[in-house]
Amino acid sequence: MRLTIAFVLASAVATIEASPRETPTVRLIKKLNGAVLPIFAEPEKGKLTSGTASVIHPDGFMLSNDHVSEGKPGIALIGGKRVRFFVVGRLPGKDIALLGLDRTKNDPIVPVGRSHDLMAGEPVTAAGNPGGRGLVYSQGIISAPSIMRGVNALIISYFKTGRDEFIQFDAASNPGNSGGPLINALGQQIGIVSAGVPGEENVNYAIPMDRVRRLFGHLLPLEVRWDFWVGLEMDFMAKRARVTTVAGNSPASKAGIKVGDVITSAGGKVVRDGLDWPMGLIKRKHREPFEVVFERKGKSRTVTIRPVAFPLADVVPEKGMKPGLKYSVYHGAFKVMPDFGELKIQHAGVTKDLATESLSPDRDENFALVFEGFLKLPKTGLYRLSLGSDDGSKLFMDGDLVIDNDDNHPLQHLSRFFRLKAGLHRLRIEYFDHTGDAELELNVESPKIDEQLVPSDWYFHK
């Protein structure tokens, strides 16, 4: 009798395990359970938005679209329970947001993959919160690994364009799917679902994960945001947390960390890859010492890093300063930023703001501008500067290239956080117009200033 029961039970288990119902897709979705969350926000009073987020770190940090929350906190649903989320970092011009859950631990997570080797036709799964109804999955294929939204392919063939490229896929996606992960057959997130095309069937777009990785240092500028300095940088593209830069005389350098070392633990938390390094250090007292475990030539070592205050660039004396920026105008059919040292200045003068066509009276396209002077900041602290242009532009602060918005493209913004002293900082903006609208703007935002154009009375020249 016992043998018969055991045989029947063993047969039943084998039948369940071998069931054709449990396909690879079913197993993949089971692994995602709890790692993809419906989210809801109220970016404006009376306006409720629904979207999706994917948990990418055990401390509850999530990727989503910026347009879902627009910088405001909201609610995530975990197993039907409401959990508050807050905004950790955002890149509005790239529609990427990093959110954090008001809880200390979250399992499972969505493994962050790469998007450099995608193939047309490979299967993908989209997870989202369409219509705010809760988590829904759909499956399809990658229709095109890299495509530009809203641009005629014939136009692209004429000249290089700096527009962002997207993954096009055909899995069902509707409003509310925004911010959700696009998952490959290995269960890795290869994109953030961002938009569809009304009027076209099965045409949906996702932000490639390599773009997220490439911009992660701007999405989460850890040391700048929380005013502490370690002085090392990571390779966000690599499978492991490989150190690419160690600043001279920095706490990391003094601790003995070198370029090429692979970080495996920081502050008692596992570091799997470069993305884990800044996320793992957020929820700690930032200027307190912490242990770092790293590998060098196959051997594990442990050191203590003692962070210090973030170093601030010196300001320029105000003596001899006058309002406005100096500008120079150059002519030419530029497709990328030219070498201005090889060009002849057509016009020059002083302007109170970042005008474009009005400073180039001879032509309304095929010209370039250089603005030089100083930016006067009212208080010491955290600022976010956003450079927008149609076509290319570059921003230099205190002698360093800090925002590179080069190439031929329609109006697009790139932003970056800075921690700066009150007073005058050297400023240089390069810009060219090839086709389209001649648009150029520099926006500023701080904890006490809503995003706005840099006031004209902040510009000075000598």
Protein backbone atom coordinates (compact mmCIF):
# COMPACT_ATOMS: atom_id res chain seq x y z
CA MET A 1 0.00 0.00 0.00
CA ARG A 2 2.81 2.43 0.95
CA LEU A 3 4.70 1.59 -2.23
CA THR A 4 1.57 2.29 -4.29
CA ILE A 5 1.01 5.69 -2.62
CA ALA A 6 4.66 6.66 -3.06
CA PHE A 7 4.53 5.65 -6.74
CA VAL A 8 1.37 7.69 -7.32
CA LEU A 9 2.85 10.77 -5.58
CA ALA A 10 6.12 10.49 -7.51
CA SER A 11 4.21 10.19 -10.77
CA ALA A 12 2.09 13.24 -9.93
CA VAL A 13 5.17 15.35 -9.12
CA ALA A 14 6.87 14.26 -12.33
CA THR A 15 3.73 15.10 -14.32
CA ILE A 16 3.58 18.63 -12.81
CA GLU A 17 7.28 19.30 -13.43
CA ALA A 18 6.99 18.10 -17.00
CA SER A 19 3.76 19.95 -17.72
CA PRO A 20 3.85 21.75 -21.07
CA ARG A 21 1.88 24.54 -19.38
CA GLU A 22 4.95 25.69 -17.48
CA THR A 23 6.85 27.19 -20.38
CA PRO A 24 10.09 29.18 -20.11
CA THR A 25 7.96 32.33 -20.18
CA VAL A 26 5.92 31.15 -17.19
CA ARG A 27 9.10 30.40 -15.26
CA LEU A 28 10.56 33.78 -16.20
CA ILE A 29 7.45 35.64 -14.99
CA LYS A 30 7.49 33.71 -11.70
CA LYS A 31 11.02 35.01 -11.08
CA LEU A 32 9.82 38.58 -11.71
CA ASN A 33 7.03 38.31 -9.13
CA GLY A 34 7.58 41.07 -6.58
CA ALA A 35 10.37 42.72 -8.57
CA VAL A 36 8.09 44.65 -10.94
CA LEU A 37 5.67 47.02 -9.20
CA PRO A 38 2.65 49.13 -10.18
CA ILE A 39 3.23 52.74 -9.09
CA PHE A 40 0.96 55.76 -8.76
CA ALA A 41 1.88 59.43 -8.38
CA GLU A 42 0.26 62.85 -8.25
CA PRO A 43 2.74 65.16 -10.04
CA GLU A 44 0.14 67.94 -10.03
CA LYS A 45 -2.80 68.49 -7.70
CA GLY A 46 -5.76 66.51 -8.98
CA LYS A 47 -3.68 64.65 -11.60
CA LEU A 48 -3.14 60.95 -10.79
CA THR A 49 -0.73 59.07 -13.01
CA SER A 50 -0.12 55.33 -13.13
CA GLY A 51 3.01 53.58 -14.27
CA THR A 52 5.47 50.85 -13.48
CA ALA A 53 8.89 50.42 -11.88
CA SER A 54 11.43 47.60 -11.71
CA VAL A 55 13.37 46.93 -8.50
CA ILE A 56 17.07 46.66 -9.41
CA HIS A 57 18.71 46.73 -5.94
CA PRO A 58 17.97 44.83 -2.70
CA ASP A 59 17.57 48.14 -0.83
CA GLY A 60 14.48 48.86 -2.93
CA PHE A 61 15.82 51.19 -5.62
CA MET A 62 13.76 51.13 -8.80
CA LEU A 63 14.04 52.27 -12.42
CA SER A 64 11.11 54.00 -14.11
CA ASN A 65 10.25 56.82 -16.52
CA ASP A 66 10.52 60.37 -15.25
CA HIS A 67 7.22 61.34 -16.88
CA VAL A 68 5.35 58.97 -14.54
CA SER A 69 6.16 60.83 -11.30
CA GLU A 70 7.76 64.06 -12.61
CA GLY A 71 9.97 64.32 -9.55
CA LYS A 72 7.18 63.76 -7.00
CA PRO A 73 6.82 60.87 -4.48
CA GLY A 74 4.00 58.35 -4.72
CA ILE A 75 2.70 54.86 -3.93
CA ALA A 76 3.95 51.44 -5.05
CA LEU A 77 1.84 48.31 -4.65
CA ILE A 78 3.67 45.30 -3.22
CA GLY A 79 1.45 42.25 -2.86
CA GLY A 80 -1.56 44.56 -2.69
CA LYS A 81 -0.01 46.63 0.11
CA ARG A 82 0.74 50.32 -0.36
CA VAL A 83 4.37 51.39 0.13
CA ARG A 84 5.60 54.95 -0.33
CA PHE A 85 8.31 55.65 -2.85
CA PHE A 86 10.55 58.71 -3.14
CA VAL A 87 12.64 60.14 -5.96
CA VAL A 88 16.37 59.42 -5.70
CA GLY A 89 17.53 60.76 -9.05
CA ARG A 90 16.04 61.92 -12.34
CA LEU A 91 17.04 62.89 -15.87
CA PRO A 92 13.92 64.60 -17.27
CA GLY A 93 15.53 65.18 -20.69
CA LYS A 94 16.12 61.43 -21.02
CA ASP A 95 12.87 60.39 -19.26
CA ILE A 96 14.72 58.23 -16.73
CA ALA A 97 14.07 58.16 -12.98
CA LEU A 98 15.59 56.28 -10.05
CA LEU A 99 13.09 55.77 -7.24
CA GLY A 100 13.44 54.37 -3.73
CA LEU A 101 11.02 52.42 -1.56
CA ASP A 102 10.35 53.35 2.08
CA ARG A 103 11.50 49.92 3.27
CA THR A 104 14.92 48.47 4.06
CA LYS A 105 14.85 45.26 2.03
CA ASN A 106 13.26 44.08 -1.19
CA ASP A 107 13.60 40.65 -2.81
CA PRO A 108 13.61 39.62 -5.57
CA ILE A 109 15.18 42.09 -7.99
CA VAL A 110 15.31 42.38 -11.78
CA PRO A 111 18.85 41.69 -13.07
CA VAL A 112 20.06 44.65 -15.16
CA GLY A 113 21.34 43.46 -18.54
CA ARG A 114 22.91 45.06 -21.59
CA SER A 115 21.37 46.20 -24.89
CA HIS A 116 24.42 46.36 -27.17
CA ASP A 117 23.87 42.97 -28.82
CA LEU A 118 20.08 42.80 -29.28
CA MET A 119 18.75 40.87 -32.26
CA ALA A 120 15.65 41.57 -34.31
CA GLY A 121 13.26 38.70 -33.71
CA GLU A 122 14.48 37.66 -30.27
CA PRO A 123 11.67 37.13 -27.72
CA VAL A 124 10.93 39.76 -25.08
CA THR A 125 8.47 40.11 -22.23
CA ALA A 126 6.99 43.46 -21.15
CA ALA A 127 5.65 43.99 -17.64
CA GLY A 128 3.45 46.94 -16.77
CA ASN A 129 0.45 48.52 -15.13
CA PRO A 130 -1.82 49.42 -18.08
CA GLY A 131 -4.72 51.62 -17.09
CA GLY A 132 -3.63 51.38 -13.45
CA ARG A 133 -5.23 47.92 -13.22
CA GLY A 134 -2.19 46.24 -11.69
CA LEU A 135 0.63 44.12 -13.05
CA VAL A 136 0.10 42.64 -16.52
CA TYR A 137 2.54 40.76 -18.76
CA SER A 138 2.72 40.55 -22.54
CA GLN A 139 5.15 38.88 -24.90
CA GLY A 140 6.49 39.55 -28.37
CA ILE A 141 9.71 40.11 -30.24
CA ILE A 142 12.22 42.88 -30.79
CA SER A 143 11.06 44.50 -34.01
CA ALA A 144 14.20 46.64 -34.35
CA PRO A 145 17.15 46.72 -31.91
CA SER A 146 17.90 50.40 -32.58
CA ILE A 147 15.58 52.91 -34.17
CA MET A 148 14.90 56.65 -33.96
CA ARG A 149 11.44 57.82 -33.01
CA GLY A 150 9.65 60.22 -35.34
CA VAL A 151 12.45 60.49 -37.91
CA ASN A 152 12.15 59.55 -41.58
CA ALA A 153 14.80 56.95 -42.52
CA LEU A 154 15.51 58.89 -45.72
CA ILE A 155 16.35 62.01 -43.72
CA ILE A 156 18.71 60.02 -41.50
CA SER A 157 20.56 58.76 -44.59
CA TYR A 158 21.48 62.32 -45.56
CA PHE A 159 23.32 63.27 -42.39
CA LYS A 160 24.25 61.93 -39.00
CA THR A 161 21.81 62.82 -36.25
CA GLY A 162 22.30 62.86 -32.51
CA ARG A 163 18.76 61.75 -31.69
CA ASP A 164 18.48 59.03 -29.08
CA GLU A 165 17.86 55.54 -30.41
CA PHE A 166 15.24 53.20 -28.96
CA ILE A 167 14.36 49.51 -28.95
CA GLN A 168 11.18 48.88 -30.94
CA PHE A 169 9.15 45.85 -29.83
CA ASP A 170 5.71 44.43 -30.60
CA ALA A 171 4.56 43.09 -27.21
CA ALA A 172 1.32 44.78 -26.14
CA SER A 173 1.99 48.02 -24.26
CA ASN A 174 -0.45 50.75 -23.23
CA PRO A 175 -0.56 53.84 -21.01
CA GLY A 176 0.49 52.64 -17.55
CA ASN A 177 3.20 50.36 -18.94
CA SER A 178 5.53 53.37 -18.87
CA GLY A 179 8.57 52.72 -16.69
CA GLY A 180 8.19 48.96 -16.77
CA PRO A 181 10.98 46.61 -17.76
CA LEU A 182 11.51 45.00 -21.15
CA ILE A 183 12.93 41.56 -20.34
CA ASN A 184 14.92 39.19 -22.55
CA ALA A 185 14.77 35.39 -22.52
CA LEU A 186 17.49 35.26 -19.85
CA GLY A 187 15.33 37.24 -17.44
CA GLN A 188 17.47 40.38 -17.73
CA GLN A 189 16.12 43.90 -18.11
CA ILE A 190 17.30 45.24 -21.47
CA GLY A 191 15.14 48.38 -21.60
CA ILE A 192 12.62 50.68 -19.90
CA VAL A 193 9.26 50.75 -21.68
CA SER A 194 8.65 54.40 -22.55
CA ALA A 195 6.11 55.00 -25.33
CA GLY A 196 3.92 53.64 -28.10
CA VAL A 197 2.74 55.02 -31.42
CA PRO A 198 -0.99 55.81 -31.54
CA GLY A 199 -2.49 54.76 -34.85
CA GLU A 200 0.14 52.11 -35.55
CA GLU A 201 -0.32 48.50 -34.47
CA ASN A 202 2.23 46.80 -32.21
CA VAL A 203 4.74 49.66 -32.32
CA ASN A 204 6.22 50.34 -28.88
CA TYR A 205 9.52 51.79 -27.70
CA ALA A 206 11.89 51.13 -24.83
CA ILE A 207 14.92 53.09 -23.60
CA PRO A 208 17.94 50.82 -24.12
CA MET A 209 19.60 49.69 -20.90
CA ASP A 210 23.04 50.67 -22.17
CA ARG A 211 21.86 54.30 -22.25
CA VAL A 212 20.72 53.99 -18.63
CA ARG A 213 24.09 52.52 -17.67
CA ARG A 214 26.00 55.21 -19.58
CA LEU A 215 24.05 57.99 -17.83
CA PHE A 216 23.92 56.39 -14.38
CA GLY A 217 26.59 58.68 -12.96
CA HIS A 218 24.38 61.67 -13.86
CA LEU A 219 21.19 59.93 -12.72
CA LEU A 220 22.75 59.21 -9.32
CA PRO A 221 25.68 61.62 -8.69
CA LEU A 222 26.10 60.19 -5.21
CA GLU A 223 28.96 62.30 -3.86
CA VAL A 224 27.68 65.59 -5.29
CA ARG A 225 24.14 65.05 -4.01
CA TRP A 226 25.07 64.06 -0.44
CA ASP A 227 28.21 66.18 -0.01
CA PHE A 228 30.91 63.58 0.55
CA TRP A 229 33.93 62.53 -1.46
CA VAL A 230 35.49 59.11 -1.98
CA GLY A 231 37.15 59.86 -5.30
CA LEU A 232 36.69 56.78 -7.45
CA GLU A 233 34.62 56.04 -10.55
CA MET A 234 33.17 52.77 -11.81
CA ASP A 235 32.66 51.09 -15.18
CA PHE A 236 28.85 50.99 -15.35
CA MET A 237 28.96 48.79 -18.47
CA ALA A 238 31.02 45.95 -16.98
CA LYS A 239 29.63 42.78 -15.41
CA ARG A 240 31.61 43.49 -12.23
CA ALA A 241 32.40 46.66 -10.26
CA ARG A 242 35.70 47.55 -11.91
CA VAL A 243 37.35 50.82 -10.85
CA THR A 244 38.17 53.08 -13.83
CA THR A 245 39.41 56.26 -12.11
CA VAL A 246 40.94 57.10 -8.74
CA ALA A 247 41.41 60.81 -8.03
CA GLY A 248 44.79 61.85 -6.70
CA ASN A 249 44.97 62.50 -2.94
CA SER A 250 41.37 61.26 -2.57
CA PRO A 251 40.13 59.05 0.29
CA ALA A 252 40.05 56.10 -2.14
CA SER A 253 43.64 56.75 -3.19
CA LYS A 254 44.79 57.09 0.43
CA ALA A 255 43.10 53.76 1.22
CA GLY A 256 45.17 52.07 -1.49
CA ILE A 257 42.52 51.46 -4.16
CA LYS A 258 43.85 51.50 -7.73
CA VAL A 259 42.45 51.54 -11.26
CA GLY A 260 41.51 48.00 -12.29
CA ASP A 261 40.54 46.82 -8.80
CA VAL A 262 37.17 45.06 -8.60
CA ILE A 263 34.95 46.08 -5.65
CA THR A 264 33.00 43.17 -4.15
CA SER A 265 31.65 44.73 -0.95
CA ALA A 266 31.16 48.24 0.46
CA GLY A 267 29.84 49.13 3.90
CA GLY A 268 28.92 45.49 4.48
CA LYS A 269 26.80 45.26 1.32
CA VAL A 270 27.51 43.06 -1.68
CA VAL A 271 28.59 44.96 -4.80
CA ARG A 272 27.76 42.92 -7.91
CA ASP A 273 28.54 45.55 -10.55
CA GLY A 274 29.22 49.25 -10.95
CA LEU A 275 25.55 50.19 -10.50
CA ASP A 276 25.55 48.65 -7.01
CA TRP A 277 28.36 50.90 -5.81
CA PRO A 278 26.41 54.22 -5.56
CA MET A 279 23.07 52.59 -4.69
CA GLY A 280 24.61 50.62 -1.82
CA LEU A 281 26.04 53.77 -0.25
CA ILE A 282 22.87 55.89 -0.24
CA LYS A 283 21.30 54.72 3.01
CA ARG A 284 24.27 55.34 5.29
CA LYS A 285 25.84 58.22 7.19
CA HIS A 286 27.88 59.57 4.37
CA ARG A 287 30.97 60.95 6.06
CA GLU A 288 31.49 57.97 8.36
CA PRO A 289 34.31 55.50 7.50
CA PHE A 290 33.30 52.23 5.85
CA GLU A 291 35.07 49.04 4.81
CA VAL A 292 35.60 48.13 1.17
CA VAL A 293 36.52 44.64 -0.01
CA PHE A 294 38.12 44.41 -3.44
CA GLU A 295 39.99 41.97 -5.64
CA ARG A 296 43.37 42.64 -7.23
CA LYS A 297 45.17 40.00 -9.30
CA GLY A 298 42.94 37.29 -7.88
CA LYS A 299 43.52 38.21 -4.23
CA SER A 300 40.92 39.74 -1.91
CA ARG A 301 41.84 42.78 0.17
CA THR A 302 39.99 44.88 2.75
CA VAL A 303 40.56 48.59 3.37
CA THR A 304 38.80 51.39 5.24
CA ILE A 305 37.73 54.50 3.33
CA ARG A 306 37.24 57.75 5.23
CA PRO A 307 35.07 60.12 3.15
CA VAL A 308 35.54 63.89 3.38
CA ALA A 309 33.43 66.86 2.30
CA PHE A 310 32.98 67.20 -1.46
CA PRO A 311 35.72 69.51 -2.83
CA LEU A 312 34.39 72.76 -4.30
CA ALA A 313 35.95 74.75 -7.15
CA ASP A 314 37.25 78.21 -6.26
CA VAL A 315 35.32 81.27 -7.37
CA VAL A 316 36.63 84.24 -9.36
CA PRO A 317 37.07 87.74 -7.80
CA GLU A 318 34.27 90.17 -8.74
CA LYS A 319 36.51 93.15 -9.40
CA GLY A 320 36.13 94.49 -12.95
CA MET A 321 33.05 92.42 -13.81
CA LYS A 322 30.25 93.74 -16.00
CA PRO A 323 26.76 92.31 -16.75
CA GLY A 324 26.25 89.98 -19.73
CA LEU A 325 28.26 87.40 -21.66
CA LYS A 326 30.73 87.92 -24.50
CA TYR A 327 29.72 86.16 -27.71
CA SER A 328 31.38 85.33 -31.03
CA VAL A 329 29.60 84.27 -34.25
CA TYR A 330 31.06 81.85 -36.82
CA HIS A 331 29.75 80.70 -40.22
CA GLY A 332 29.78 77.17 -41.63
CA ALA A 333 27.64 74.09 -42.34
CA PHE A 334 28.47 72.19 -39.17
CA LYS A 335 27.22 68.67 -38.37
CA VAL A 336 29.25 68.40 -35.16
CA MET A 337 30.90 71.04 -33.00
CA PRO A 338 33.74 72.66 -34.95
CA ASP A 339 37.24 73.55 -33.81
CA PHE A 340 36.68 77.25 -33.18
CA GLY A 341 40.40 77.94 -33.23
CA GLU A 342 40.37 77.22 -36.98
CA LEU A 343 37.41 79.51 -37.77
CA LYS A 344 37.11 83.21 -38.44
CA ILE A 345 34.92 85.33 -36.15
CA GLN A 346 32.13 87.03 -38.16
CA HIS A 347 30.59 89.10 -35.37
CA ALA A 348 31.31 89.65 -31.67
CA GLY A 349 29.76 91.55 -28.80
CA VAL A 350 28.05 91.28 -25.44
CA THR A 351 24.60 89.79 -24.81
CA LYS A 352 22.42 89.63 -21.73
CA ASP A 353 21.04 86.14 -22.56
CA LEU A 354 21.62 83.11 -24.79
CA ALA A 355 20.15 84.53 -27.98
CA THR A 356 20.87 82.69 -31.25
CA GLU A 357 19.53 83.96 -34.62
CA SER A 358 19.37 87.60 -33.43
CA LEU A 359 23.14 87.46 -32.85
CA SER A 360 23.72 86.16 -36.39
CA PRO A 361 21.98 88.72 -38.63
CA ASP A 362 23.54 87.37 -41.85
CA ARG A 363 21.91 83.91 -41.67
CA ASP A 364 19.32 81.92 -39.74
CA GLU A 365 21.11 78.55 -40.04
CA ASN A 366 24.62 77.18 -40.66
CA PHE A 367 26.24 79.28 -37.97
CA ALA A 368 27.89 78.72 -34.60
CA LEU A 369 28.17 80.73 -31.39
CA VAL A 370 30.53 80.80 -28.44
CA PHE A 371 29.44 82.48 -25.19
CA GLU A 372 32.11 83.23 -22.60
CA GLY A 373 32.00 84.84 -19.20
CA PHE A 374 30.99 83.98 -15.67
CA LEU A 375 27.97 82.54 -13.88
CA LYS A 376 27.25 84.12 -10.49
CA LEU A 377 25.57 81.74 -8.04
CA PRO A 378 23.70 83.26 -5.08
CA LYS A 379 24.44 80.55 -2.48
CA THR A 380 26.83 77.68 -1.85
CA GLY A 381 25.14 74.35 -2.38
CA LEU A 382 23.56 71.91 -4.81
CA TYR A 383 22.48 72.98 -8.31
CA ARG A 384 21.23 71.15 -11.37
CA LEU A 385 22.04 72.75 -14.73
CA SER A 386 20.22 71.64 -17.87
CA LEU A 387 21.51 72.52 -21.35
CA GLY A 388 18.97 72.33 -24.18
CA SER A 389 19.67 72.91 -27.85
CA ASP A 390 18.70 72.34 -31.47
CA ASP A 391 21.38 71.36 -32.78
CA GLY A 392 24.60 70.75 -30.82
CA SER A 393 25.86 72.44 -27.67
CA LYS A 394 28.48 72.05 -24.96
CA LEU A 395 28.77 73.53 -21.46
CA PHE A 396 32.10 74.22 -19.77
CA MET A 397 32.25 75.18 -16.08
CA ASP A 398 35.46 76.27 -14.36
CA GLY A 399 37.43 75.07 -17.36
CA ASP A 400 35.93 71.55 -17.57
CA LEU A 401 33.51 70.13 -20.15
CA VAL A 402 30.55 69.16 -17.97
CA ILE A 403 27.65 68.69 -20.44
CA ASP A 404 28.20 67.42 -23.99
CA ASN A 405 25.01 67.88 -26.02
CA ASP A 406 26.83 67.77 -29.36
CA ASP A 407 25.68 66.46 -32.77
CA ASN A 408 22.85 67.24 -35.17
CA HIS A 409 19.53 66.83 -33.36
CA PRO A 410 16.25 68.57 -32.56
CA LEU A 411 15.76 70.26 -29.20
CA GLN A 412 16.98 67.96 -26.43
CA HIS A 413 18.16 68.61 -22.89
CA LEU A 414 21.02 67.12 -20.91
CA SER A 415 21.39 67.90 -17.21
CA ARG A 416 23.89 67.44 -14.43
CA PHE A 417 24.13 68.12 -10.70
CA PHE A 418 26.86 70.37 -9.28
CA ARG A 419 27.94 71.36 -5.80
CA LEU A 420 29.32 74.89 -6.10
CA LYS A 421 30.41 77.84 -4.01
CA ALA A 422 28.50 81.11 -4.04
CA GLY A 423 30.11 83.59 -6.39
CA LEU A 424 31.46 83.73 -9.93
CA HIS A 425 32.34 80.60 -11.91
CA ARG A 426 33.96 80.57 -15.34
CA LEU A 427 31.40 79.71 -18.04
CA ARG A 428 31.70 78.80 -21.72
CA ILE A 429 28.87 77.60 -23.96
CA GLU A 430 29.46 76.39 -27.51
CA TYR A 431 26.56 76.02 -29.95
CA PHE A 432 25.90 75.42 -33.64
CA ASP A 433 22.76 75.46 -35.79
CA HIS A 434 22.64 73.36 -38.96
CA THR A 435 18.95 72.85 -39.72
CA GLY A 436 15.66 73.21 -37.88
CA ASP A 437 14.99 75.68 -35.08
CA ALA A 438 17.87 77.66 -33.59
CA GLU A 439 17.08 76.96 -29.93
CA LEU A 440 19.47 77.22 -27.00
CA GLU A 441 18.73 77.47 -23.29
CA LEU A 442 20.42 76.92 -19.95
CA ASN A 443 18.13 76.06 -17.04
CA VAL A 444 18.92 75.99 -13.34
CA GLU A 445 17.31 74.19 -10.41
CA SER A 446 18.21 73.89 -6.71
CA PRO A 447 16.49 72.70 -3.52
CA LYS A 448 15.05 76.22 -3.17
CA ILE A 449 14.67 77.14 -6.85
CA ASP A 450 12.18 75.47 -9.19
CA GLU A 451 13.60 74.78 -12.64
CA GLN A 452 13.81 77.96 -14.67
CA LEU A 453 15.98 79.71 -17.24
CA VAL A 454 19.19 81.00 -15.72
CA PRO A 455 18.36 84.64 -14.83
CA SER A 456 20.10 87.15 -17.08
CA ASP A 457 21.52 88.97 -14.03
CA TRP A 458 23.59 85.84 -13.20
CA TYR A 459 25.72 86.38 -16.34
CA PHE A 460 28.89 88.49 -16.20
CA HIS A 461 31.98 89.17 -18.29
CA LYS A 462 35.30 90.89 -17.70
